Amino acid sequence: MPGEAILDLTGTMEGLINEQQEPQAIMRKLFDLARALHQSEHVDRFAIGDGCYTLQELKRIQDQEEHDTFLARHRPGR
């Protein structure tokens, strides 16, 4: 989509994984960061690993407790 702002959060997620954060905590922190960036920087989508997600998609993953599956799919070195 032309003009769509995309920000890569892969490094942020990898840092949280390396800090041995729990999956729920990682998703909560990723979503909170994405929400803040969406509101202040008008970022539309977030690249994480080999995927690209909207704020709503990240919220759905968090709400439906799909964190383990999400993180396993995007874990570094998989």
N, C-alpha and C. Protein backbone atom coordinates (compact mmCIF):
# COMPACT_ATOMS: atom_id res chain seq x y z
N MET A 1 0.85 -1.18 0.00
CA MET A 1 0.00 0.00 0.00
C MET A 1 0.89 1.24 0.00
N PRO A 2 0.74 2.13 -0.95
CA PRO A 2 1.59 3.32 -1.03
C PRO A 2 1.42 4.21 0.21
N GLY A 3 2.52 4.72 0.69
CA GLY A 3 2.48 5.64 1.82
C GLY A 3 2.33 4.96 3.16
N GLU A 4 2.29 3.65 3.17
CA GLU A 4 2.11 2.93 4.42
C GLU A 4 3.44 2.88 5.17
N ALA A 5 3.43 3.24 6.44
CA ALA A 5 4.65 3.23 7.25
C ALA A 5 4.79 1.87 7.92
N ILE A 6 5.95 1.24 7.73
CA ILE A 6 6.24 -0.06 8.32
C ILE A 6 7.50 0.07 9.16
N LEU A 7 7.45 -0.44 10.38
CA LEU A 7 8.60 -0.39 11.28
C LEU A 7 8.98 -1.81 11.67
N ASP A 8 10.27 -2.12 11.62
CA ASP A 8 10.75 -3.45 11.95
C ASP A 8 10.98 -3.56 13.46
N LEU A 9 10.25 -4.47 14.10
CA LEU A 9 10.39 -4.71 15.54
C LEU A 9 11.08 -6.04 15.83
N THR A 10 11.70 -6.62 14.82
CA THR A 10 12.35 -7.92 15.00
C THR A 10 13.44 -7.84 16.08
N GLY A 11 14.27 -6.82 16.01
CA GLY A 11 15.34 -6.68 17.00
C GLY A 11 14.81 -6.51 18.41
N THR A 12 13.72 -5.79 18.55
CA THR A 12 13.09 -5.62 19.86
C THR A 12 12.62 -6.96 20.39
N MET A 13 11.95 -7.74 19.54
CA MET A 13 11.45 -9.04 19.96
C MET A 13 12.63 -9.96 20.33
N GLU A 14 13.67 -9.96 19.52
CA GLU A 14 14.83 -10.81 19.80
C GLU A 14 15.47 -10.42 21.13
N GLY A 15 15.54 -9.13 21.42
CA GLY A 15 16.09 -8.67 22.69
C GLY A 15 15.27 -9.17 23.87
N LEU A 16 13.94 -9.13 23.74
CA LEU A 16 13.08 -9.62 24.82
C LEU A 16 13.24 -11.13 25.00
N ILE A 17 13.37 -11.85 23.90
CA ILE A 17 13.59 -13.30 23.98
C ILE A 17 14.92 -13.58 24.67
N ASN A 18 15.96 -12.84 24.30
CA ASN A 18 17.29 -13.04 24.90
C ASN A 18 17.32 -12.70 26.38
N GLU A 19 16.41 -11.83 26.82
CA GLU A 19 16.30 -11.48 28.24
C GLU A 19 15.52 -12.53 29.01
N GLN A 20 15.14 -13.61 28.33
CA GLN A 20 14.40 -14.71 28.95
C GLN A 20 13.02 -14.27 29.44
N GLN A 21 12.42 -13.32 28.74
CA GLN A 21 11.07 -12.87 29.08
C GLN A 21 10.07 -13.99 28.78
N GLU A 22 8.99 -14.06 29.53
CA GLU A 22 7.91 -15.01 29.28
C GLU A 22 7.19 -14.61 28.00
N PRO A 23 6.64 -15.58 27.26
CA PRO A 23 5.94 -15.27 26.00
C PRO A 23 4.84 -14.21 26.17
N GLN A 24 4.06 -14.30 27.25
CA GLN A 24 3.00 -13.32 27.46
C GLN A 24 3.57 -11.93 27.66
N ALA A 25 4.69 -11.83 28.37
CA ALA A 25 5.33 -10.54 28.62
C ALA A 25 5.91 -9.97 27.32
N ILE A 26 6.48 -10.83 26.49
CA ILE A 26 7.03 -10.38 25.22
C ILE A 26 5.93 -9.80 24.35
N MET A 27 4.81 -10.52 24.22
CA MET A 27 3.71 -10.04 23.38
C MET A 27 3.11 -8.75 23.94
N ARG A 28 2.99 -8.67 25.25
CA ARG A 28 2.44 -7.46 25.87
C ARG A 28 3.34 -6.26 25.58
N LYS A 29 4.66 -6.44 25.72
CA LYS A 29 5.60 -5.35 25.47
C LYS A 29 5.63 -4.97 23.99
N LEU A 30 5.60 -5.98 23.11
CA LEU A 30 5.55 -5.68 21.67
C LEU A 30 4.29 -4.92 21.31
N PHE A 31 3.15 -5.35 21.85
CA PHE A 31 1.90 -4.67 21.54
C PHE A 31 1.90 -3.26 22.10
N ASP A 32 2.36 -3.08 23.34
CA ASP A 32 2.40 -1.74 23.94
C ASP A 32 3.29 -0.80 23.13
N LEU A 33 4.44 -1.30 22.68
CA LEU A 33 5.33 -0.49 21.86
C LEU A 33 4.67 -0.18 20.51
N ALA A 34 4.08 -1.18 19.90
CA ALA A 34 3.42 -0.97 18.60
C ALA A 34 2.29 0.04 18.72
N ARG A 35 1.50 -0.04 19.78
CA ARG A 35 0.40 0.91 19.99
C ARG A 35 0.93 2.32 20.15
N ALA A 36 1.99 2.49 20.94
CA ALA A 36 2.57 3.82 21.15
C ALA A 36 3.13 4.38 19.84
N LEU A 37 3.80 3.54 19.07
CA LEU A 37 4.36 3.99 17.79
C LEU A 37 3.25 4.30 16.78
N HIS A 38 2.20 3.52 16.81
CA HIS A 38 1.07 3.76 15.91
C HIS A 38 0.44 5.12 16.21
N GLN A 39 0.30 5.43 17.50
CA GLN A 39 -0.34 6.69 17.90
C GLN A 39 0.57 7.89 17.69
N SER A 40 1.85 7.77 18.02
CA SER A 40 2.72 8.94 17.97
C SER A 40 3.45 9.10 16.64
N GLU A 41 3.79 8.02 16.00
CA GLU A 41 4.58 8.08 14.77
C GLU A 41 3.76 7.70 13.55
N HIS A 42 2.53 7.33 13.75
CA HIS A 42 1.63 6.94 12.65
C HIS A 42 2.17 5.77 11.84
N VAL A 43 2.74 4.79 12.56
CA VAL A 43 3.22 3.57 11.91
C VAL A 43 2.00 2.67 11.67
N ASP A 44 1.89 2.15 10.45
CA ASP A 44 0.72 1.36 10.07
C ASP A 44 0.90 -0.14 10.29
N ARG A 45 2.12 -0.63 10.03
CA ARG A 45 2.39 -2.06 10.12
C ARG A 45 3.74 -2.27 10.78
N PHE A 46 3.90 -3.48 11.32
CA PHE A 46 5.11 -3.81 12.07
C PHE A 46 5.70 -5.10 11.54
N ALA A 47 6.93 -5.02 11.04
CA ALA A 47 7.63 -6.21 10.57
C ALA A 47 8.23 -6.91 11.77
N ILE A 48 7.96 -8.19 11.87
CA ILE A 48 8.51 -9.01 12.95
C ILE A 48 8.92 -10.33 12.31
N GLY A 49 10.21 -10.61 12.36
CA GLY A 49 10.69 -11.82 11.70
C GLY A 49 10.38 -11.74 10.21
N ASP A 50 9.73 -12.77 9.70
CA ASP A 50 9.40 -12.78 8.27
C ASP A 50 7.95 -12.39 8.02
N GLY A 51 7.29 -11.82 9.02
CA GLY A 51 5.90 -11.40 8.87
C GLY A 51 5.74 -9.89 9.02
N CYS A 52 4.57 -9.41 8.63
CA CYS A 52 4.23 -8.00 8.75
C CYS A 52 2.81 -7.92 9.30
N TYR A 53 2.63 -7.18 10.40
CA TYR A 53 1.38 -7.21 11.15
C TYR A 53 0.84 -5.81 11.39
N THR A 54 -0.47 -5.70 11.41
CA THR A 54 -1.11 -4.46 11.83
C THR A 54 -1.21 -4.47 13.35
N LEU A 55 -1.54 -3.34 13.92
CA LEU A 55 -1.75 -3.25 15.36
C LEU A 55 -2.88 -4.20 15.77
N GLN A 56 -3.94 -4.26 14.98
CA GLN A 56 -5.08 -5.12 15.29
C GLN A 56 -4.67 -6.60 15.29
N GLU A 57 -3.81 -6.98 14.35
CA GLU A 57 -3.35 -8.38 14.31
C GLU A 57 -2.52 -8.72 15.54
N LEU A 58 -1.66 -7.81 15.97
CA LEU A 58 -0.87 -8.05 17.18
C LEU A 58 -1.78 -8.14 18.40
N LYS A 59 -2.80 -7.32 18.46
CA LYS A 59 -3.75 -7.37 19.57
C LYS A 59 -4.49 -8.70 19.59
N ARG A 60 -4.90 -9.19 18.41
CA ARG A 60 -5.60 -10.47 18.33
C ARG A 60 -4.70 -11.59 18.82
N ILE A 61 -3.44 -11.59 18.41
CA ILE A 61 -2.49 -12.60 18.85
C ILE A 61 -2.36 -12.57 20.37
N GLN A 62 -2.26 -11.38 20.92
CA GLN A 62 -2.14 -11.23 22.37
C GLN A 62 -3.42 -11.69 23.07
N ASP A 63 -4.57 -11.25 22.60
CA ASP A 63 -5.85 -11.57 23.23
C ASP A 63 -6.18 -13.06 23.16
N GLN A 64 -5.84 -13.69 22.06
CA GLN A 64 -6.16 -15.10 21.90
C GLN A 64 -5.05 -16.01 22.42
N GLU A 65 -4.11 -15.40 23.11
CA GLU A 65 -3.01 -16.12 23.75
C GLU A 65 -2.29 -17.06 22.78
N GLU A 66 -1.99 -16.51 21.60
CA GLU A 66 -1.24 -17.25 20.59
C GLU A 66 0.25 -16.92 20.67
N HIS A 67 0.71 -16.44 21.83
CA HIS A 67 2.09 -15.95 21.94
C HIS A 67 3.12 -17.04 21.65
N ASP A 68 2.90 -18.25 22.20
CA ASP A 68 3.90 -19.30 22.01
C ASP A 68 4.08 -19.64 20.53
N THR A 69 2.97 -19.79 19.82
CA THR A 69 3.02 -20.10 18.39
C THR A 69 3.67 -18.96 17.62
N PHE A 70 3.28 -17.73 17.93
CA PHE A 70 3.84 -16.55 17.26
C PHE A 70 5.35 -16.47 17.46
N LEU A 71 5.78 -16.60 18.71
CA LEU A 71 7.21 -16.47 19.02
C LEU A 71 8.01 -17.63 18.43
N ALA A 72 7.46 -18.83 18.44
CA ALA A 72 8.15 -19.97 17.86
C ALA A 72 8.36 -19.76 16.36
N ARG A 73 7.36 -19.18 15.70
CA ARG A 73 7.44 -18.94 14.25
C ARG A 73 8.51 -17.89 13.92
N HIS A 74 8.72 -16.94 14.83
CA HIS A 74 9.64 -15.83 14.56
C HIS A 74 10.92 -15.87 15.39
N ARG A 75 11.13 -16.93 16.13
CA ARG A 75 12.33 -17.04 16.97
C ARG A 75 13.58 -17.02 16.10
N PRO A 76 14.60 -16.26 16.54
CA PRO A 76 15.85 -16.19 15.77
C PRO A 76 16.48 -17.59 15.63
N GLY A 77 16.99 -17.86 14.46
CA GLY A 77 17.70 -19.12 14.22
C GLY A 77 16.80 -20.32 14.04
N ARG A 78 15.52 -20.08 13.78
CA ARG A 78 14.61 -21.22 13.62
C ARG A 78 14.84 -21.91 12.32
